[in-house]
Structure formats: C-alpha cells, structure tokens
C-alpha cells in the first residue's frame, strides 16, 4: 500500500473511516466469493484488501485509545487540582 493511501486514511474523520471500513469489508466479501468460484484472476487482491481492513481498524482503535487517554489525563488533572485545593483550605 502506498504511503499516500495511508496518509489519506489518517486524514479521514472517524465517520469516514467507519464508512470506508464497511465498504472495504463488503469488497473483501465479494473478492472471497469470486476466489471461491474461480472467477478472480488476481488473488493477491484478497490479501491487500484484508490488510486495508486491518489498517482502518488499527486507526480507529488508535483514535479510541487517544480519546480514552485524554479523558484519563483530564480526570487526573482535575483530581490533582481538587486535592491541592483541599490542602490549601486546611491551612
């Protein structure tokens, strides 16, 4: 897969990635069906499409982890600020 295609995937929004994932999975299903019925001339398309599905899923998972990590950092900062405020009040 060319680096340009990966860059295009990274530039997509989450909704676009989910749509692309659905389309790519549908294409993979069709390729597997064609391969099973001996209608597919280039069987390497199955491999490249399967890898594209994996790349899209990886990007979606990475984005979910970033959101989760951001929420954890915010919660820790808020808890730290509250603990610091409570310590100031006791003095």
N, C-alpha and C. Protein backbone atom coordinates (compact mmCIF):
# COMPACT_ATOMS: atom_id res chain seq x y z
N UNK A 1 0.85 -1.17 0.00
CA UNK A 1 0.00 0.00 0.00
C UNK A 1 0.90 1.24 0.00
N UNK A 2 0.66 2.14 -0.93
CA UNK A 2 1.49 3.34 -0.98
C UNK A 2 1.30 4.20 0.27
N UNK A 3 2.35 4.94 0.60
CA UNK A 3 2.29 5.81 1.78
C UNK A 3 1.20 6.87 1.62
N UNK A 4 0.95 7.28 0.40
CA UNK A 4 -0.09 8.29 0.15
C UNK A 4 -1.46 7.77 0.59
N UNK A 5 -1.74 6.51 0.35
CA UNK A 5 -3.02 5.93 0.74
C UNK A 5 -3.17 5.90 2.26
N UNK A 6 -2.09 5.58 2.96
CA UNK A 6 -2.11 5.57 4.42
C UNK A 6 -2.34 6.98 4.93
N UNK A 7 -1.69 7.95 4.31
CA UNK A 7 -1.88 9.35 4.71
C UNK A 7 -3.33 9.78 4.47
N UNK A 8 -3.92 9.31 3.39
CA UNK A 8 -5.32 9.64 3.11
C UNK A 8 -6.23 9.05 4.18
N UNK A 9 -5.93 7.82 4.61
CA UNK A 9 -6.73 7.20 5.67
C UNK A 9 -6.60 7.98 6.97
N UNK A 10 -5.40 8.42 7.30
CA UNK A 10 -5.18 9.18 8.54
C UNK A 10 -5.91 10.52 8.52
N UNK A 11 -6.09 11.08 7.33
CA UNK A 11 -6.75 12.38 7.20
C UNK A 11 -8.27 12.28 7.31
N UNK A 12 -8.81 11.08 7.20
CA UNK A 12 -10.26 10.89 7.24
C UNK A 12 -10.80 11.07 8.66
N UNK A 13 -12.05 11.50 8.71
CA UNK A 13 -12.72 11.59 10.01
C UNK A 13 -13.11 10.18 10.46
N UNK A 14 -13.54 10.07 11.71
CA UNK A 14 -13.92 8.76 12.23
C UNK A 14 -15.12 8.19 11.48
N UNK A 15 -16.08 9.05 11.15
CA UNK A 15 -17.26 8.60 10.41
C UNK A 15 -16.87 8.12 9.02
N UNK A 16 -15.96 8.84 8.37
CA UNK A 16 -15.49 8.43 7.04
C UNK A 16 -14.73 7.11 7.12
N UNK A 17 -13.94 6.95 8.17
CA UNK A 17 -13.21 5.68 8.34
C UNK A 17 -14.18 4.52 8.54
N UNK A 18 -15.23 4.74 9.32
CA UNK A 18 -16.21 3.67 9.53
C UNK A 18 -16.92 3.31 8.22
N UNK A 19 -17.24 4.31 7.41
CA UNK A 19 -17.85 4.04 6.10
C UNK A 19 -16.87 3.30 5.19
N UNK A 20 -15.61 3.73 5.20
CA UNK A 20 -14.59 3.08 4.39
C UNK A 20 -14.40 1.63 4.85
N UNK A 21 -14.44 1.40 6.15
CA UNK A 21 -14.31 0.04 6.68
C UNK A 21 -15.45 -0.84 6.18
N UNK A 22 -16.65 -0.31 6.22
CA UNK A 22 -17.81 -1.08 5.76
C UNK A 22 -17.69 -1.41 4.27
N UNK A 23 -17.30 -0.43 3.47
CA UNK A 23 -17.14 -0.65 2.03
C UNK A 23 -16.03 -1.65 1.75
N UNK A 24 -14.93 -1.54 2.48
CA UNK A 24 -13.80 -2.43 2.25
C UNK A 24 -14.13 -3.86 2.67
N UNK A 25 -14.87 -4.01 3.77
CA UNK A 25 -15.28 -5.35 4.19
C UNK A 25 -16.23 -5.96 3.17
N UNK A 26 -17.10 -5.15 2.60
CA UNK A 26 -18.01 -5.64 1.56
C UNK A 26 -17.21 -6.08 0.33
N UNK A 27 -16.20 -5.28 -0.03
CA UNK A 27 -15.35 -5.62 -1.17
C UNK A 27 -14.58 -6.91 -0.90
N UNK A 28 -14.11 -7.09 0.33
CA UNK A 28 -13.39 -8.31 0.70
C UNK A 28 -14.30 -9.52 0.58
N UNK A 29 -15.54 -9.38 1.02
CA UNK A 29 -16.50 -10.47 0.91
C UNK A 29 -16.67 -10.86 -0.56
N UNK A 30 -16.84 -9.85 -1.42
CA UNK A 30 -17.02 -10.12 -2.85
C UNK A 30 -15.79 -10.77 -3.46
N UNK A 31 -14.60 -10.32 -3.05
CA UNK A 31 -13.37 -10.91 -3.57
C UNK A 31 -13.24 -12.37 -3.13
N UNK A 32 -13.58 -12.65 -1.89
CA UNK A 32 -13.52 -14.05 -1.41
C UNK A 32 -14.51 -14.92 -2.16
N UNK A 33 -15.67 -14.37 -2.44
CA UNK A 33 -16.67 -15.13 -3.18
C UNK A 33 -16.17 -15.42 -4.59
N UNK A 34 -15.58 -14.41 -5.23
CA UNK A 34 -15.04 -14.60 -6.58
C UNK A 34 -13.89 -15.61 -6.57
N UNK A 35 -13.06 -15.56 -5.54
CA UNK A 35 -11.94 -16.51 -5.45
C UNK A 35 -12.46 -17.93 -5.28
N UNK A 36 -13.52 -18.08 -4.49
CA UNK A 36 -14.06 -19.42 -4.24
C UNK A 36 -14.70 -19.99 -5.50
N UNK A 37 -15.25 -19.14 -6.34
CA UNK A 37 -15.90 -19.62 -7.56
C UNK A 37 -14.96 -19.57 -8.76
N UNK A 38 -13.69 -19.35 -8.49
CA UNK A 38 -12.63 -19.33 -9.52
C UNK A 38 -12.85 -18.23 -10.57
N UNK A 39 -13.45 -17.12 -10.18
CA UNK A 39 -13.66 -16.00 -11.10
C UNK A 39 -12.64 -14.89 -10.90
N UNK A 40 -11.85 -14.98 -9.85
CA UNK A 40 -10.88 -13.93 -9.52
C UNK A 40 -9.55 -14.26 -10.17
N UNK A 41 -9.09 -13.37 -11.04
CA UNK A 41 -7.82 -13.60 -11.73
C UNK A 41 -6.63 -13.26 -10.85
N UNK A 42 -6.74 -12.19 -10.08
CA UNK A 42 -5.62 -11.74 -9.24
C UNK A 42 -5.97 -11.96 -7.77
N UNK A 43 -5.56 -13.11 -7.24
CA UNK A 43 -5.91 -13.46 -5.86
C UNK A 43 -5.17 -12.62 -4.83
N UNK A 44 -4.16 -11.87 -5.25
CA UNK A 44 -3.45 -11.01 -4.30
C UNK A 44 -4.32 -9.83 -3.86
N UNK A 45 -5.40 -9.58 -4.57
CA UNK A 45 -6.34 -8.53 -4.17
C UNK A 45 -6.97 -8.85 -2.81
N UNK A 46 -7.18 -10.13 -2.55
CA UNK A 46 -7.76 -10.55 -1.27
C UNK A 46 -6.81 -10.13 -0.14
N UNK A 47 -5.54 -10.39 -0.31
CA UNK A 47 -4.54 -10.05 0.71
C UNK A 47 -4.47 -8.54 0.93
N UNK A 48 -4.39 -7.78 -0.14
CA UNK A 48 -4.27 -6.33 0.01
C UNK A 48 -5.53 -5.71 0.61
N UNK A 49 -6.69 -6.25 0.27
CA UNK A 49 -7.94 -5.74 0.84
C UNK A 49 -8.04 -6.10 2.31
N UNK A 50 -7.61 -7.31 2.66
CA UNK A 50 -7.62 -7.72 4.07
C UNK A 50 -6.69 -6.82 4.90
N UNK A 51 -5.56 -6.47 4.33
CA UNK A 51 -4.63 -5.58 5.03
C UNK A 51 -5.20 -4.16 5.15
N UNK A 52 -5.93 -3.72 4.15
CA UNK A 52 -6.56 -2.40 4.22
C UNK A 52 -7.60 -2.38 5.36
N UNK A 53 -8.35 -3.46 5.50
CA UNK A 53 -9.31 -3.56 6.61
C UNK A 53 -8.56 -3.46 7.94
N UNK A 54 -7.45 -4.15 8.04
CA UNK A 54 -6.67 -4.12 9.28
C UNK A 54 -6.13 -2.72 9.57
N UNK A 55 -5.68 -2.02 8.54
CA UNK A 55 -5.17 -0.66 8.74
C UNK A 55 -6.27 0.27 9.24
N UNK A 56 -7.44 0.16 8.65
CA UNK A 56 -8.55 1.01 9.06
C UNK A 56 -8.94 0.71 10.50
N UNK A 57 -9.02 -0.57 10.84
CA UNK A 57 -9.36 -0.94 12.23
C UNK A 57 -8.30 -0.45 13.20
N UNK A 58 -7.04 -0.51 12.80
CA UNK A 58 -5.96 -0.03 13.65
C UNK A 58 -6.09 1.47 13.90
N UNK A 59 -6.36 2.23 12.85
CA UNK A 59 -6.52 3.67 13.01
C UNK A 59 -7.69 4.00 13.93
N UNK A 60 -8.80 3.29 13.77
CA UNK A 60 -9.95 3.53 14.63
C UNK A 60 -9.62 3.21 16.09
N UNK A 61 -8.89 2.13 16.30
CA UNK A 61 -8.52 1.74 17.66
C UNK A 61 -7.55 2.76 18.27
N UNK A 62 -6.59 3.22 17.48
CA UNK A 62 -5.64 4.22 17.98
C UNK A 62 -6.37 5.49 18.39
N UNK A 63 -7.34 5.91 17.60
CA UNK A 63 -8.09 7.11 17.93
C UNK A 63 -8.90 6.91 19.21
N UNK A 64 -9.47 5.74 19.38
CA UNK A 64 -10.24 5.45 20.59
C UNK A 64 -9.33 5.49 21.81
N UNK A 65 -8.12 4.95 21.68
CA UNK A 65 -7.17 4.97 22.79
C UNK A 65 -6.74 6.40 23.13
N UNK A 66 -6.57 7.23 22.11
CA UNK A 66 -6.19 8.62 22.36
C UNK A 66 -7.28 9.36 23.12
N UNK A 67 -8.53 9.11 22.76
CA UNK A 67 -9.64 9.74 23.47
C UNK A 67 -9.67 9.26 24.91
N UNK A 68 -9.52 7.95 25.10
CA UNK A 68 -9.53 7.38 26.46
C UNK A 68 -8.38 7.93 27.29
N UNK A 69 -7.21 8.02 26.69
CA UNK A 69 -6.04 8.55 27.40
C UNK A 69 -6.26 10.02 27.76
N UNK A 70 -6.82 10.79 26.84
CA UNK A 70 -7.11 12.19 27.12
C UNK A 70 -8.07 12.37 28.28
N UNK A 71 -9.07 11.51 28.34
CA UNK A 71 -10.03 11.56 29.44
C UNK A 71 -9.35 11.21 30.77
N UNK A 72 -8.44 10.25 30.74
CA UNK A 72 -7.73 9.86 31.97
C UNK A 72 -6.84 11.01 32.45
N UNK A 73 -6.18 11.69 31.52
CA UNK A 73 -5.31 12.80 31.88
C UNK A 73 -6.14 13.93 32.48
N UNK A 74 -7.29 14.21 31.87
CA UNK A 74 -8.17 15.26 32.39
C UNK A 74 -8.64 14.91 33.80
N UNK A 75 -9.04 13.66 34.00
CA UNK A 75 -9.52 13.23 35.31
C UNK A 75 -8.41 13.34 36.36
N UNK A 76 -7.21 12.96 35.98
CA UNK A 76 -6.09 13.04 36.92
C UNK A 76 -5.77 14.49 37.24
N UNK A 77 -5.82 15.35 36.25
CA UNK A 77 -5.53 16.77 36.49
C UNK A 77 -6.60 17.38 37.38
N UNK A 78 -7.85 17.02 37.13
CA UNK A 78 -8.94 17.54 37.95
C UNK A 78 -8.82 17.03 39.38
N UNK A 79 -8.51 15.77 39.55
CA UNK A 79 -8.34 15.20 40.89
C UNK A 79 -7.16 15.84 41.59
N UNK A 80 -6.09 16.11 40.87
CA UNK A 80 -4.92 16.76 41.44
C UNK A 80 -5.23 18.17 41.88
N UNK A 81 -6.01 18.87 41.08
CA UNK A 81 -6.38 20.24 41.43
C UNK A 81 -7.28 20.26 42.66
N UNK A 82 -8.19 19.32 42.74
CA UNK A 82 -9.10 19.25 43.88
C UNK A 82 -8.34 18.90 45.16
N UNK A 83 -7.39 18.01 45.05
CA UNK A 83 -6.60 17.63 46.22
C UNK A 83 -5.74 18.81 46.67
N UNK A 84 -5.21 19.56 45.73
CA UNK A 84 -4.42 20.74 46.07
C UNK A 84 -5.27 21.82 46.70
N UNK A 85 -6.49 21.98 46.22
CA UNK A 85 -7.41 22.96 46.79
C UNK A 85 -7.80 22.58 48.21
N UNK A 86 -8.02 21.31 48.45
CA UNK A 86 -8.40 20.83 49.78
C UNK A 86 -7.26 21.06 50.77
N UNK A 87 -6.03 20.88 50.33
CA UNK A 87 -4.87 21.09 51.19
C UNK A 87 -4.71 22.56 51.56
N UNK A 88 -5.06 23.47 50.62
CA UNK A 88 -4.97 24.90 50.89
C UNK A 88 -6.00 25.34 51.92
N UNK A 89 -7.14 24.70 51.93
CA UNK A 89 -8.21 25.09 52.84
C UNK A 89 -7.89 24.70 54.29
N UNK A 90 -7.14 23.64 54.48
CA UNK A 90 -6.84 23.15 55.82
C UNK A 90 -5.86 24.07 56.54
N UNK A 91 -5.05 24.80 55.82
CA UNK A 91 -4.02 25.62 56.44
C UNK A 91 -4.56 26.83 57.06
